[in-house]
Amino acid sequence: MHARTRYLLVFLLVAIVIHLVLLNSHQGYSDAAAAQKQRIADAVAYKPVPARPASTPAPNAERIGQEADFNASRAAFLDRKANAALVMLAREVDLEGVISTMKQVEDRFNRKFKYPWVFLNERPFSDRFIKWTSEMTDAPIEYGIIPREHWNQPPWINETRAAETRERMKKQEIIYGGSIAYRNMCRYNSGFFFRHPLLQKYRYYWRVEPGVKFYCDLQFDPFLFMQDHNKVYGFTMALLEYEYTIPGLWASVRRFMKKYPQYIAKDNALRFVSGDRGWTYNLCHFWSNFEIADMEFWRSEPYMKFFEHLDRNGGFYYERWGDAPVHSIGVALLANKDQIHFFDEIGYRHEPFEHCPSGEAHARGKCWCSVDETFDSMWYSCMREFERVY
């Protein structure tokens, strides 16, 4: 055997012996050897795929392109905002309820969307009120004083007659029956709040009341929904009005319809408020302590004529007309029925009633209300009348 060959065999034999000794005596060496063995096996098993020609798209290229378009559209959507504000009529004594409600609205919705808040009161807000409320949001916030001529009982009301009504309703224990301030508020909400200088720059508003509850996360922007779908009025609950507060309201409405037939929408929602084609009022109304609506509708000629007609009849003071039936009848007559929207996804409570979403909407909104307590199924809910309209 050639000398070089002999030396090579001896060297290989020594290397094998050293390898076996280290493999059995040194754990780190053993692990490294096992890893190297696996890498060799993987390399032997790997079969490279021939390169795809540059002109041929990958199988999922179309899907990836669609996802990119969707993500771009979603980003653009999230950047969109409606011309809208959250509006609260509040007094100093309401501060605790104001803070509670603001916290829920911010956590459930406005922390993401940053819509401005507008607070209105017939008196200036205190520094304490401004400090506490401004700490509850990162959104812009403004405080406005209601003009006296918009708030106070108008001079053409016969106060003797109005006082007699208040006294009679007080004896009958009709809620707020003896209150001038409540009547001022109802009249103001019916025909004046959307004229306030601070709200002139906005189109849509969400009416927020002190002390109410919001149960669910909102995964969408209701203002943009109103805008994109040409809605003018959104609600969460509909119920029967207290008949003793509005005995003359429908007679006044009928006079309006006869005098101004040109203002009545062709595809209206009259069936929601009357079961006999307008002869009588069924007392159904949207509960206006929650509403998301288009102020351009309130500012329009048909609604302003409607409000001025009712106002001149004096029923806000000679009876106790609320803004809820006034808004509801106005929108039912003057808007097309497909411009009214039920916000089923918004869980909401104003004592003593609440609306709670059910099914997928309840889970999606992480709602903490009970479906068993929702107002919609109660006998004095007007959701059946609303559904019949459609």
Protein backbone atom coordinates (compact mmCIF):
# COMPACT_ATOMS: atom_id res chain seq x y z
CA MET A 1 0.00 0.00 0.00
CA HIS A 2 1.28 3.43 -0.86
CA ALA A 3 2.65 5.44 2.12
CA ARG A 4 0.33 8.44 1.51
CA THR A 5 -2.69 6.15 1.43
CA ARG A 6 -1.61 4.52 4.71
CA TYR A 7 -1.22 7.86 6.45
CA LEU A 8 -4.66 8.99 5.20
CA LEU A 9 -6.38 5.87 6.56
CA VAL A 10 -4.66 6.27 9.93
CA PHE A 11 -5.79 9.92 10.11
CA LEU A 12 -9.41 9.00 9.29
CA LEU A 13 -9.38 6.23 11.92
CA VAL A 14 -8.09 8.62 14.61
CA ALA A 15 -10.74 11.23 13.65
CA ILE A 16 -13.52 8.64 13.91
CA VAL A 17 -12.32 7.53 17.34
CA ILE A 18 -12.17 11.15 18.63
CA HIS A 19 -15.67 11.82 17.22
CA LEU A 20 -17.10 8.78 19.00
CA VAL A 21 -15.44 9.72 22.29
CA LEU A 22 -16.80 13.31 22.14
CA LEU A 23 -20.25 12.15 21.07
CA ASN A 24 -20.60 9.96 24.14
CA SER A 25 -18.96 12.25 26.65
CA HIS A 26 -19.84 15.85 25.69
CA GLN A 27 -23.54 16.91 25.55
CA GLY A 28 -22.97 20.16 23.62
CA TYR A 29 -21.01 18.37 20.92
CA SER A 30 -23.72 15.71 20.70
CA ASP A 31 -26.47 18.34 20.21
CA ALA A 32 -24.48 20.17 17.56
CA ALA A 33 -23.87 16.96 15.66
CA ALA A 34 -27.57 16.07 15.73
CA ALA A 35 -28.51 19.51 14.42
CA GLN A 36 -25.96 19.26 11.61
CA LYS A 37 -27.31 15.81 10.68
CA GLN A 38 -30.86 17.25 10.42
CA ARG A 39 -29.68 20.13 8.24
CA ILE A 40 -27.96 17.67 5.89
CA ALA A 41 -31.14 15.55 5.73
CA ASP A 42 -33.29 18.61 5.01
CA ALA A 43 -30.90 19.72 2.28
CA VAL A 44 -31.01 16.30 0.61
CA ALA A 45 -34.85 16.22 0.80
CA TYR A 46 -35.34 19.77 -0.57
CA LYS A 47 -36.30 19.97 -4.22
CA PRO A 48 -36.19 23.51 -5.58
CA VAL A 49 -39.28 24.74 -7.49
CA PRO A 50 -38.52 26.11 -10.93
CA ALA A 51 -38.71 29.91 -10.99
CA ARG A 52 -42.01 31.34 -12.31
CA PRO A 53 -41.65 33.53 -15.37
CA ALA A 54 -41.77 37.22 -14.47
CA SER A 55 -44.88 37.77 -16.58
CA THR A 56 -46.94 35.18 -14.69
CA PRO A 57 -48.54 36.51 -11.47
CA ALA A 58 -48.44 34.48 -8.28
CA PRO A 59 -51.69 32.59 -7.57
CA ASN A 60 -52.71 34.98 -4.74
CA ALA A 61 -51.62 38.24 -6.38
CA GLU A 62 -55.20 39.21 -7.18
CA ARG A 63 -56.30 38.57 -3.59
CA ILE A 64 -53.36 40.55 -2.22
CA GLY A 65 -54.26 43.42 -4.54
CA GLN A 66 -57.86 43.35 -3.35
CA GLU A 67 -56.72 43.40 0.27
CA ALA A 68 -54.48 46.38 -0.44
CA ASP A 69 -57.37 48.23 -2.06
CA PHE A 70 -59.63 47.35 0.88
CA ASN A 71 -57.07 48.53 3.43
CA ALA A 72 -56.57 51.77 1.52
CA SER A 73 -60.33 52.32 1.36
CA ARG A 74 -60.66 51.53 5.05
CA ALA A 75 -57.93 54.02 5.93
CA ALA A 76 -59.65 56.65 3.81
CA PHE A 77 -62.96 55.84 5.50
CA LEU A 78 -61.46 56.22 8.96
CA ASP A 79 -60.14 59.64 7.95
CA ARG A 80 -63.62 60.78 6.89
CA LYS A 81 -65.79 62.72 9.30
CA ALA A 82 -69.22 64.22 8.99
CA ASN A 83 -69.95 67.84 9.83
CA ALA A 84 -71.43 66.95 13.20
CA ALA A 85 -71.38 67.54 16.95
CA LEU A 86 -72.50 65.95 20.20
CA VAL A 87 -75.00 68.33 21.79
CA MET A 88 -76.05 68.40 25.44
CA LEU A 89 -78.51 70.74 27.13
CA ALA A 90 -77.38 70.78 30.76
CA ARG A 91 -77.49 72.70 34.02
CA GLU A 92 -74.98 73.02 36.83
CA VAL A 93 -76.95 70.58 39.00
CA ASP A 94 -76.64 67.95 36.24
CA LEU A 95 -72.84 67.79 36.47
CA GLU A 96 -72.61 64.31 37.99
CA GLY A 97 -74.91 62.86 35.33
CA VAL A 98 -73.09 64.82 32.62
CA ILE A 99 -69.72 63.34 33.61
CA SER A 100 -71.13 59.80 33.75
CA THR A 101 -72.69 60.11 30.31
CA MET A 102 -69.64 61.74 28.73
CA LYS A 103 -67.42 58.96 30.03
CA GLN A 104 -69.60 56.33 28.38
CA VAL A 105 -69.92 58.18 25.08
CA GLU A 106 -66.18 58.74 24.92
CA ASP A 107 -65.31 55.14 25.83
CA ARG A 108 -67.90 53.56 23.57
CA PHE A 109 -67.61 55.86 20.56
CA ASN A 110 -66.00 59.28 20.56
CA ARG A 111 -62.51 58.35 21.76
CA LYS A 112 -61.96 57.03 18.22
CA PHE A 113 -63.85 59.68 16.26
CA LYS A 114 -63.18 62.91 18.20
CA TYR A 115 -66.43 64.70 17.34
CA PRO A 116 -66.80 68.06 19.11
CA TRP A 117 -69.08 68.60 22.11
CA VAL A 118 -71.41 71.56 22.45
CA PHE A 119 -72.99 72.34 25.84
CA LEU A 120 -75.96 74.70 26.05
CA ASN A 121 -77.59 76.33 29.08
CA GLU A 122 -79.78 79.35 29.68
CA ARG A 123 -77.18 80.50 32.23
CA PRO A 124 -73.37 80.73 32.00
CA PHE A 125 -71.50 77.56 32.96
CA SER A 126 -69.27 77.72 36.03
CA ASP A 127 -65.52 77.21 35.94
CA ARG A 128 -66.07 73.96 37.85
CA PHE A 129 -68.47 72.63 35.21
CA ILE A 130 -66.10 73.59 32.40
CA LYS A 131 -63.08 72.06 34.16
CA TRP A 132 -64.74 68.70 34.83
CA THR A 133 -66.33 68.31 31.40
CA SER A 134 -63.28 69.43 29.45
CA GLU A 135 -61.20 66.78 31.25
CA MET A 136 -63.51 64.04 29.97
CA THR A 137 -62.61 64.37 26.27
CA ASP A 138 -59.75 65.12 23.91
CA ALA A 139 -62.24 66.43 21.35
CA PRO A 140 -63.03 70.14 20.91
CA ILE A 141 -65.62 71.43 23.36
CA GLU A 142 -67.68 74.64 23.44
CA TYR A 143 -70.10 76.17 25.94
CA GLY A 144 -72.99 78.35 24.84
CA ILE A 145 -75.66 80.48 26.51
CA ILE A 146 -79.19 80.15 25.15
CA PRO A 147 -80.63 83.53 24.05
CA ARG A 148 -83.42 84.63 26.35
CA GLU A 149 -85.81 85.14 23.45
CA HIS A 150 -85.33 81.48 22.50
CA TRP A 151 -85.80 80.11 26.00
CA ASN A 152 -88.41 82.14 27.87
CA GLN A 153 -92.16 81.90 27.49
CA PRO A 154 -93.04 84.25 24.59
CA PRO A 155 -94.91 87.47 25.43
CA TRP A 156 -97.93 86.62 23.26
CA ILE A 157 -98.86 83.66 25.53
CA ASN A 158 -101.82 84.46 27.79
CA GLU A 159 -100.20 83.80 31.16
CA THR A 160 -103.53 83.59 33.01
CA ARG A 161 -104.64 80.73 30.77
CA ALA A 162 -101.22 79.08 30.94
CA ALA A 163 -101.16 79.31 34.76
CA GLU A 164 -104.59 77.69 34.97
CA THR A 165 -103.33 74.78 32.88
CA ARG A 166 -100.26 74.35 35.07
CA GLU A 167 -102.34 74.34 38.23
CA ARG A 168 -104.81 71.82 36.83
CA MET A 169 -102.06 69.46 35.62
CA LYS A 170 -100.26 69.77 38.94
CA LYS A 171 -103.40 68.63 40.76
CA GLN A 172 -103.74 65.76 38.29
CA GLU A 173 -100.14 64.79 39.10
CA ILE A 174 -99.10 64.94 35.47
CA ILE A 175 -95.32 64.79 35.29
CA TYR A 176 -93.84 68.30 34.89
CA GLY A 177 -97.43 69.55 34.63
CA GLY A 178 -96.76 72.56 36.83
CA SER A 179 -93.37 73.48 35.40
CA ILE A 180 -92.67 76.52 33.20
CA ALA A 181 -89.00 75.56 32.83
CA TYR A 182 -89.90 72.15 31.38
CA ARG A 183 -92.22 73.79 28.87
CA ASN A 184 -89.47 76.25 27.93
CA MET A 185 -87.13 73.32 27.33
CA CYS A 186 -89.64 71.41 25.16
CA ARG A 187 -90.33 74.47 23.04
CA TYR A 188 -86.60 75.21 22.74
CA ASN A 189 -85.78 71.66 21.64
CA SER A 190 -88.67 71.69 19.19
CA GLY A 191 -87.79 74.83 17.32
CA PHE A 192 -84.71 76.71 18.50
CA PHE A 193 -81.66 74.68 19.51
CA PHE A 194 -80.53 74.21 15.89
CA ARG A 195 -80.51 78.01 15.50
CA HIS A 196 -77.91 78.53 18.24
CA PRO A 197 -74.81 80.36 16.95
CA LEU A 198 -72.49 77.54 18.08
CA LEU A 199 -74.44 74.99 16.01
CA GLN A 200 -74.71 77.01 12.81
CA LYS A 201 -71.48 75.49 11.49
CA TYR A 202 -72.73 71.91 11.94
CA ARG A 203 -75.20 69.85 9.96
CA TYR A 204 -75.70 66.71 12.08
CA TYR A 205 -76.06 66.37 15.84
CA TRP A 206 -76.33 63.62 18.41
CA ARG A 207 -78.53 64.68 21.30
CA VAL A 208 -77.01 63.47 24.56
CA GLU A 209 -78.81 63.74 27.89
CA PRO A 210 -77.23 63.91 31.37
CA GLY A 211 -77.42 60.64 33.30
CA VAL A 212 -78.22 58.26 30.44
CA LYS A 213 -76.36 55.00 29.73
CA PHE A 214 -74.75 53.68 26.57
CA TYR A 215 -74.26 49.93 26.68
CA CYS A 216 -72.40 48.99 23.49
CA ASP A 217 -69.25 49.77 21.54
CA LEU A 218 -69.97 51.49 18.24
CA GLN A 219 -67.85 50.03 15.44
CA PHE A 220 -69.14 52.55 12.90
CA ASP A 221 -69.76 56.28 12.61
CA PRO A 222 -73.52 56.98 12.83
CA PHE A 223 -73.02 60.50 11.49
CA LEU A 224 -71.41 59.17 8.32
CA PHE A 225 -74.17 56.57 8.07
CA MET A 226 -76.76 59.36 8.14
CA GLN A 227 -74.82 61.34 5.56
CA ASP A 228 -74.05 58.48 3.17
CA HIS A 229 -77.60 57.08 3.23
CA ASN A 230 -79.49 60.40 3.09
CA LYS A 231 -81.13 59.90 6.49
CA VAL A 232 -82.59 62.83 8.39
CA TYR A 233 -83.61 61.22 11.69
CA GLY A 234 -82.28 58.32 13.78
CA PHE A 235 -83.74 56.86 17.00
CA THR A 236 -83.41 53.93 19.40
CA MET A 237 -86.84 53.79 21.10
CA ALA A 238 -90.42 54.59 20.16
CA LEU A 239 -93.32 54.65 22.61
CA LEU A 240 -96.74 56.09 23.41
CA GLU A 241 -97.10 59.69 24.55
CA TYR A 242 -99.00 60.64 27.71
CA GLU A 243 -102.32 61.70 26.16
CA TYR A 244 -103.23 64.24 28.86
CA THR A 245 -100.22 66.39 27.90
CA ILE A 246 -101.26 66.86 24.23
CA PRO A 247 -105.08 66.88 23.94
CA GLY A 248 -105.08 69.54 21.21
CA LEU A 249 -101.89 68.65 19.35
CA TRP A 250 -103.34 66.53 16.56
CA ALA A 251 -106.11 69.02 15.76
CA SER A 252 -103.37 71.60 15.22
CA VAL A 253 -101.42 69.14 13.04
CA ARG A 254 -104.47 68.48 10.90
CA ARG A 255 -104.95 72.20 10.35
CA PHE A 256 -101.33 72.41 9.21
CA MET A 257 -101.76 69.53 6.75
CA LYS A 258 -104.84 71.19 5.29
CA LYS A 259 -103.19 74.61 5.02
CA TYR A 260 -99.81 73.40 3.66
CA PRO A 261 -100.37 70.22 1.62
CA GLN A 262 -97.33 71.07 -0.51
CA TYR A 263 -95.03 70.33 2.44
CA ILE A 264 -96.25 66.78 3.08
CA ALA A 265 -93.75 64.25 1.70
CA LYS A 266 -95.18 61.92 -0.95
CA ASP A 267 -93.62 58.79 0.57
CA ASN A 268 -94.12 59.82 4.19
CA ALA A 269 -94.37 57.81 7.41
CA LEU A 270 -97.87 58.94 8.39
CA ARG A 271 -98.78 55.35 9.25
CA PHE A 272 -96.33 55.51 12.16
CA VAL A 273 -98.32 58.26 13.91
CA SER A 274 -101.83 57.50 12.67
CA GLY A 275 -103.64 54.24 12.05
CA ASP A 276 -106.52 55.85 10.16
CA ARG A 277 -104.77 57.91 7.47
CA GLY A 278 -104.42 61.01 9.60
CA TRP A 279 -107.85 61.27 11.17
CA THR A 280 -106.52 60.65 14.69
CA TYR A 281 -103.15 60.45 16.43
CA ASN A 282 -102.14 57.04 17.79
CA LEU A 283 -99.76 58.69 20.35
CA CYS A 284 -96.64 57.02 18.90
CA HIS A 285 -93.45 59.03 18.93
CA PHE A 286 -89.68 58.60 18.84
CA TRP A 287 -88.17 59.15 22.28
CA SER A 288 -86.19 62.26 21.53
CA ASN A 289 -83.86 62.17 24.54
CA PHE A 290 -81.78 60.15 22.08
CA GLU A 291 -81.74 61.30 18.49
CA ILE A 292 -79.17 61.64 15.75
CA ALA A 293 -80.52 63.94 13.09
CA ASP A 294 -79.90 66.37 10.28
CA MET A 295 -80.29 69.97 11.43
CA GLU A 296 -80.81 71.08 7.84
CA PHE A 297 -84.13 69.23 8.04
CA TRP A 298 -85.15 71.24 11.11
CA ARG A 299 -83.94 74.43 9.43
CA SER A 300 -85.88 73.71 6.23
CA GLU A 301 -88.92 75.73 5.21
CA PRO A 302 -91.41 72.85 5.70
CA TYR A 303 -90.33 72.11 9.27
CA MET A 304 -89.99 75.76 10.25
CA LYS A 305 -93.52 76.40 8.96
CA PHE A 306 -94.67 73.36 10.92
CA PHE A 307 -93.05 74.54 14.16
CA GLU A 308 -94.25 78.13 13.80
CA HIS A 309 -97.79 76.89 13.18
CA LEU A 310 -97.73 74.77 16.36
CA ASP A 311 -96.01 77.48 18.37
CA ARG A 312 -98.68 80.05 17.50
CA ASN A 313 -101.33 77.61 18.71
CA GLY A 314 -99.76 77.96 22.17
CA GLY A 315 -99.88 74.28 23.07
CA PHE A 316 -96.41 74.27 24.60
CA TYR A 317 -97.86 76.42 27.42
CA TYR A 318 -101.65 76.01 27.25
CA GLU A 319 -101.07 72.25 27.38
CA ARG A 320 -97.68 70.55 27.81
CA TRP A 321 -96.53 69.54 24.36
CA GLY A 322 -93.19 67.75 24.37
CA ASP A 323 -90.50 68.00 21.73
CA ALA A 324 -90.68 64.22 21.19
CA PRO A 325 -94.16 64.16 19.57
CA VAL A 326 -93.43 67.42 17.76
CA HIS A 327 -90.21 66.06 16.23
CA SER A 328 -91.79 62.69 15.51
CA ILE A 329 -94.89 64.03 13.79
CA GLY A 330 -92.80 66.55 11.90
CA VAL A 331 -90.40 63.97 10.51
CA ALA A 332 -93.18 61.45 9.84
CA LEU A 333 -95.06 63.97 7.68
CA LEU A 334 -92.31 66.03 6.09
CA ALA A 335 -89.60 63.43 5.35
CA ASN A 336 -89.73 60.34 3.20
CA LYS A 337 -90.10 57.19 5.27
CA ASP A 338 -86.75 55.78 4.10
CA GLN A 339 -85.02 58.82 5.64
CA ILE A 340 -85.87 57.63 9.16
CA HIS A 341 -83.51 55.09 10.71
CA PHE A 342 -83.68 52.77 13.71
CA PHE A 343 -80.23 52.47 15.32
CA ASP A 344 -80.66 48.95 16.62
CA GLU A 345 -76.92 48.62 17.35
CA ILE A 346 -76.91 51.41 19.94
CA GLY A 347 -77.67 50.09 23.42
CA TYR A 348 -79.21 52.95 25.37
CA ARG A 349 -81.05 53.65 28.61
CA HIS A 350 -82.97 56.70 29.74
CA GLU A 351 -84.85 55.91 32.91
CA PRO A 352 -87.05 53.96 33.09
CA PHE A 353 -86.66 52.39 29.60
CA GLU A 354 -83.81 50.92 27.62
CA HIS A 355 -83.08 49.47 24.21
CA CYS A 356 -80.68 46.51 24.12
CA PRO A 357 -79.43 44.99 20.86
CA SER A 358 -79.82 41.24 20.42
CA GLY A 359 -77.97 38.44 18.65
CA GLU A 360 -74.82 39.28 16.71
CA ALA A 361 -75.20 43.01 17.36
CA HIS A 362 -75.07 42.37 21.12
CA ALA A 363 -71.87 40.35 20.85
CA ARG A 364 -70.23 42.66 18.33
CA GLY A 365 -70.88 45.70 20.49
CA LYS A 366 -69.70 44.01 23.72
CA CYS A 367 -73.00 45.18 25.22
CA TRP A 368 -73.54 44.89 28.96
CA CYS A 369 -77.33 45.28 28.88
CA SER A 370 -79.82 42.42 29.17
CA VAL A 371 -81.81 41.53 26.07
CA ASP A 372 -84.63 40.41 28.37
CA GLU A 373 -85.11 43.99 29.55
CA THR A 374 -85.25 45.67 26.14
CA PHE A 375 -88.15 48.04 25.70
CA ASP A 376 -88.99 46.99 22.13
CA SER A 377 -91.08 43.99 23.14
CA MET A 378 -93.26 45.81 25.70
CA TRP A 379 -96.88 46.54 24.89
CA TYR A 380 -96.44 50.33 24.95
CA SER A 381 -93.51 50.24 22.53
CA CYS A 382 -94.34 51.61 19.07
CA MET A 383 -91.82 49.48 17.17
CA ARG A 384 -94.68 47.44 15.67
CA GLU A 385 -96.16 50.61 14.21
CA PHE A 386 -92.76 51.63 12.89
CA GLU A 387 -92.21 48.25 11.24
CA ARG A 388 -95.64 48.39 9.60
CA VAL A 389 -94.59 51.56 7.80
CA TYR A 390 -92.08 49.47 5.85
